[in-house]
C-alpha atoms as a PDB file:
ATOM      1  CA  UNK A   1     277.616-109.862  29.131  1.00  0.00           C
ATOM      2  CA  UNK A   2     280.964-110.098  30.855  1.00  0.00           C
ATOM      3  CA  UNK A   3     280.761-110.349  34.634  1.00  0.00           C
ATOM      4  CA  UNK A   4     277.047-111.168  34.776  1.00  0.00           C
ATOM      5  CA  UNK A   5     276.232-114.065  37.071  1.00  0.00           C
ATOM      6  CA  UNK A   6     272.949-115.901  37.540  1.00  0.00           C
ATOM      7  CA  UNK A   7     272.003-117.245  40.964  1.00  0.00           C
ATOM      8  CA  UNK A   8     268.869-119.090  42.002  1.00  0.00           C
ATOM      9  CA  UNK A   9     267.431-121.139  44.847  1.00  0.00           C
ATOM     10  CA  UNK A  10     266.922-124.856  44.283  1.00  0.00           C
ATOM     11  CA  UNK A  11     265.787-127.975  46.087  1.00  0.00           C
ATOM     12  CA  UNK A  12     268.216-129.888  48.295  1.00  0.00           C
ATOM     13  CA  UNK A  13     268.613-132.612  45.664  1.00  0.00           C
ATOM     14  CA  UNK A  14     269.127-130.134  42.806  1.00  0.00           C
ATOM     15  CA  UNK A  15     271.676-128.270  44.921  1.00  0.00           C
ATOM     16  CA  UNK A  16     273.728-131.444  45.412  1.00  0.00           C
ATOM     17  CA  UNK A  17     273.566-132.346  41.725  1.00  0.00           C
ATOM     18  CA  UNK A  18     274.195-128.867  40.324  1.00  0.00           C
ATOM     19  CA  UNK A  19     277.162-128.011  42.559  1.00  0.00           C
ATOM     20  CA  UNK A  20     278.947-131.098  41.238  1.00  0.00           C
ATOM     21  CA  UNK A  21     278.728-129.780  37.658  1.00  0.00           C
ATOM     22  CA  UNK A  22     281.421-127.738  35.964  1.00  0.00           C
ATOM     23  CA  UNK A  23     280.688-123.998  36.019  1.00  0.00           C
ATOM     24  CA  UNK A  24     278.118-124.119  38.834  1.00  0.00           C
ATOM     25  CA  UNK A  25     279.097-123.237  42.407  1.00  0.00           C
ATOM     26  CA  UNK A  26     277.328-122.656  45.725  1.00  0.00           C
ATOM     27  CA  UNK A  27     276.169-119.031  45.600  1.00  0.00           C
ATOM     28  CA  UNK A  28     278.309-116.734  47.752  1.00  0.00           C
ATOM     29  CA  UNK A  29     276.531-115.798  51.011  1.00  0.00           C
ATOM     30  CA  UNK A  30     273.438-117.855  50.040  1.00  0.00           C
ATOM     31  CA  UNK A  31     274.772-121.410  49.787  1.00  0.00           C
ATOM     32  CA  UNK A  32     273.424-122.192  53.247  1.00  0.00           C
ATOM     33  CA  UNK A  33     269.924-121.541  51.868  1.00  0.00           C
ATOM     34  CA  UNK A  34     270.597-123.832  48.848  1.00  0.00           C
ATOM     35  CA  UNK A  35     271.274-121.174  46.208  1.00  0.00           C
ATOM     36  CA  UNK A  36     273.649-121.864  43.324  1.00  0.00           C
ATOM     37  CA  UNK A  37     275.493-119.527  40.971  1.00  0.00           C
ATOM     38  CA  UNK A  38     276.391-120.061  37.341  1.00  0.00           C
ATOM     39  CA  UNK A  39     279.984-118.982  36.852  1.00  0.00           C
ATOM     40  CA  UNK A  40     279.556-118.652  33.085  1.00  0.00           C
ATOM     41  CA  UNK A  41     276.560-118.150  30.829  1.00  0.00           C
ATOM     42  CA  UNK A  42     277.243-121.465  29.100  1.00  0.00           C
ATOM     43  CA  UNK A  43     277.279-123.536  32.326  1.00  0.00           C
ATOM     44  CA  UNK A  44     273.652-124.504  31.635  1.00  0.00           C
ATOM     45  CA  UNK A  45     271.280-124.431  28.653  1.00  0.00           C
ATOM     46  CA  UNK A  46     268.895-121.451  28.500  1.00  0.00           C
ATOM     47  CA  UNK A  47     265.834-123.683  28.769  1.00  0.00           C
ATOM     48  CA  UNK A  48     267.216-125.357  31.893  1.00  0.00           C
ATOM     49  CA  UNK A  49     267.983-121.974  33.456  1.00  0.00           C
ATOM     50  CA  UNK A  50     264.400-120.879  32.808  1.00  0.00           C
ATOM     51  CA  UNK A  51     263.041-124.088  34.374  1.00  0.00           C
ATOM     52  CA  UNK A  52     265.220-123.735  37.477  1.00  0.00           C
ATOM     53  CA  UNK A  53     264.275-120.070  37.922  1.00  0.00           C
ATOM     54  CA  UNK A  54     260.579-120.956  37.590  1.00  0.00           C
ATOM     55  CA  UNK A  55     261.047-123.635  40.249  1.00  0.00           C
ATOM     56  CA  UNK A  56     262.996-121.183  42.446  1.00  0.00           C
ATOM     57  CA  UNK A  57     260.076-118.760  42.288  1.00  0.00           C
ATOM     58  CA  UNK A  58     257.740-121.538  43.377  1.00  0.00           C
ATOM     59  CA  UNK A  59     259.985-122.628  46.273  1.00  0.00           C
ATOM     60  CA  UNK A  60     260.207-119.081  47.593  1.00  0.00           C
ATOM     61  CA  UNK A  61     256.535-118.219  47.009  1.00  0.00           C
ATOM     62  CA  UNK A  62     255.396-121.283  48.964  1.00  0.00           C
ATOM     63  CA  UNK A  63     257.111-119.853  52.052  1.00  0.00           C
ATOM     64  CA  UNK A  64     255.112-116.608  51.911  1.00  0.00           C
ATOM     65  CA  UNK A  65     251.904-116.030  53.793  1.00  0.00           C
ATOM     66  CA  UNK A  66     248.688-116.940  51.972  1.00  0.00           C
ATOM     67  CA  UNK A  67     247.884-113.229  51.733  1.00  0.00           C
ATOM     68  CA  UNK A  68     251.178-112.426  50.015  1.00  0.00           C
ATOM     69  CA  UNK A  69     250.821-115.475  47.758  1.00  0.00           C
ATOM     70  CA  UNK A  70     247.467-114.088  46.571  1.00  0.00           C
ATOM     71  CA  UNK A  71     248.956-110.617  46.065  1.00  0.00           C
ATOM     72  CA  UNK A  72     251.656-111.927  43.740  1.00  0.00           C
ATOM     73  CA  UNK A  73     249.237-114.214  41.931  1.00  0.00           C
ATOM     74  CA  UNK A  74     250.792-117.445  43.159  1.00  0.00           C
ATOM     75  CA  UNK A  75     247.449-118.793  44.390  1.00  0.00           C
ATOM     76  CA  UNK A  76     243.983-117.884  43.248  1.00  0.00           C
ATOM     77  CA  UNK A  77     241.585-116.073  45.557  1.00  0.00           C
END
Protein backbone atom coordinates (compact mmCIF):
# COMPACT_ATOMS: atom_id res chain seq x y z
CA UNK A 1 0.00 0.00 0.00
CA UNK A 2 2.85 2.33 -0.83
CA UNK A 3 1.82 5.95 -1.29
CA UNK A 4 -1.63 5.58 0.26
CA UNK A 5 -2.46 8.31 2.76
CA UNK A 6 -5.40 8.57 5.13
CA UNK A 7 -6.88 11.98 5.94
CA UNK A 8 -9.81 12.81 8.18
CA UNK A 9 -11.50 15.74 9.89
CA UNK A 10 -11.24 15.99 13.66
CA UNK A 11 -12.22 18.24 16.54
CA UNK A 12 -10.08 21.26 17.41
CA UNK A 13 -8.64 19.48 20.45
CA UNK A 14 -7.90 16.26 18.53
CA UNK A 15 -6.26 18.31 15.78
CA UNK A 16 -3.87 19.92 18.28
CA UNK A 17 -3.02 16.59 19.90
CA UNK A 18 -2.68 14.55 16.71
CA UNK A 19 -0.50 17.03 14.82
CA UNK A 20 2.04 16.84 17.65
CA UNK A 21 2.43 13.08 17.14
CA UNK A 22 5.06 11.48 14.94
CA UNK A 23 3.72 10.51 11.51
CA UNK A 24 0.63 12.73 11.62
CA UNK A 25 0.59 16.11 9.87
CA UNK A 26 -1.97 18.80 9.04
CA UNK A 27 -3.66 17.60 5.84
CA UNK A 28 -2.49 19.51 2.76
CA UNK A 29 -5.11 22.06 1.61
CA UNK A 30 -7.50 21.04 4.43
CA UNK A 31 -5.57 21.90 7.60
CA UNK A 32 -7.53 25.13 7.95
CA UNK A 33 -10.67 23.00 8.36
CA UNK A 34 -8.94 20.79 11.00
CA UNK A 35 -8.13 17.77 8.83
CA UNK A 36 -5.07 15.63 9.54
CA UNK A 37 -3.15 13.18 7.37
CA UNK A 38 -1.36 10.02 8.41
CA UNK A 39 2.01 9.97 6.70
CA UNK A 40 2.42 6.23 7.21
CA UNK A 41 -0.01 3.39 7.82
CA UNK A 42 1.60 2.66 11.19
CA UNK A 43 1.23 6.24 12.53
CA UNK A 44 -1.92 5.13 14.37
CA UNK A 45 -3.52 1.82 15.39
CA UNK A 46 -6.27 0.52 13.09
CA UNK A 47 -8.89 0.73 15.83
CA UNK A 48 -8.01 4.36 16.52
CA UNK A 49 -8.20 5.19 12.81
CA UNK A 50 -11.67 3.64 12.66
CA UNK A 51 -12.79 5.64 15.71
CA UNK A 52 -11.48 8.92 14.29
CA UNK A 53 -13.11 8.30 10.90
CA UNK A 54 -16.42 7.49 12.61
CA UNK A 55 -16.14 10.75 14.55
CA UNK A 56 -15.19 12.63 11.35
CA UNK A 57 -18.36 11.35 9.70
CA UNK A 58 -20.38 12.61 12.64
CA UNK A 59 -18.72 16.05 12.63
CA UNK A 60 -19.41 16.51 8.93
CA UNK A 61 -22.94 15.06 9.01
CA UNK A 62 -23.97 17.43 11.80
CA UNK A 63 -23.28 20.36 9.46
CA UNK A 64 -25.70 19.07 6.81
CA UNK A 65 -29.31 20.13 6.58
CA UNK A 66 -31.82 18.00 8.50
CA UNK A 67 -33.16 16.74 5.17
CA UNK A 68 -29.74 15.53 4.03
CA UNK A 69 -29.05 14.04 7.47
CA UNK A 70 -32.22 11.95 7.09
CA UNK A 71 -31.26 10.92 3.55
CA UNK A 72 -27.91 9.52 4.68
CA UNK A 73 -29.43 7.89 7.75
CA UNK A 74 -27.68 10.12 10.26
CA UNK A 75 -30.94 10.99 12.03
CA UNK A 76 -34.15 9.03 12.13
CA UNK A 77 -37.29 10.35 10.46
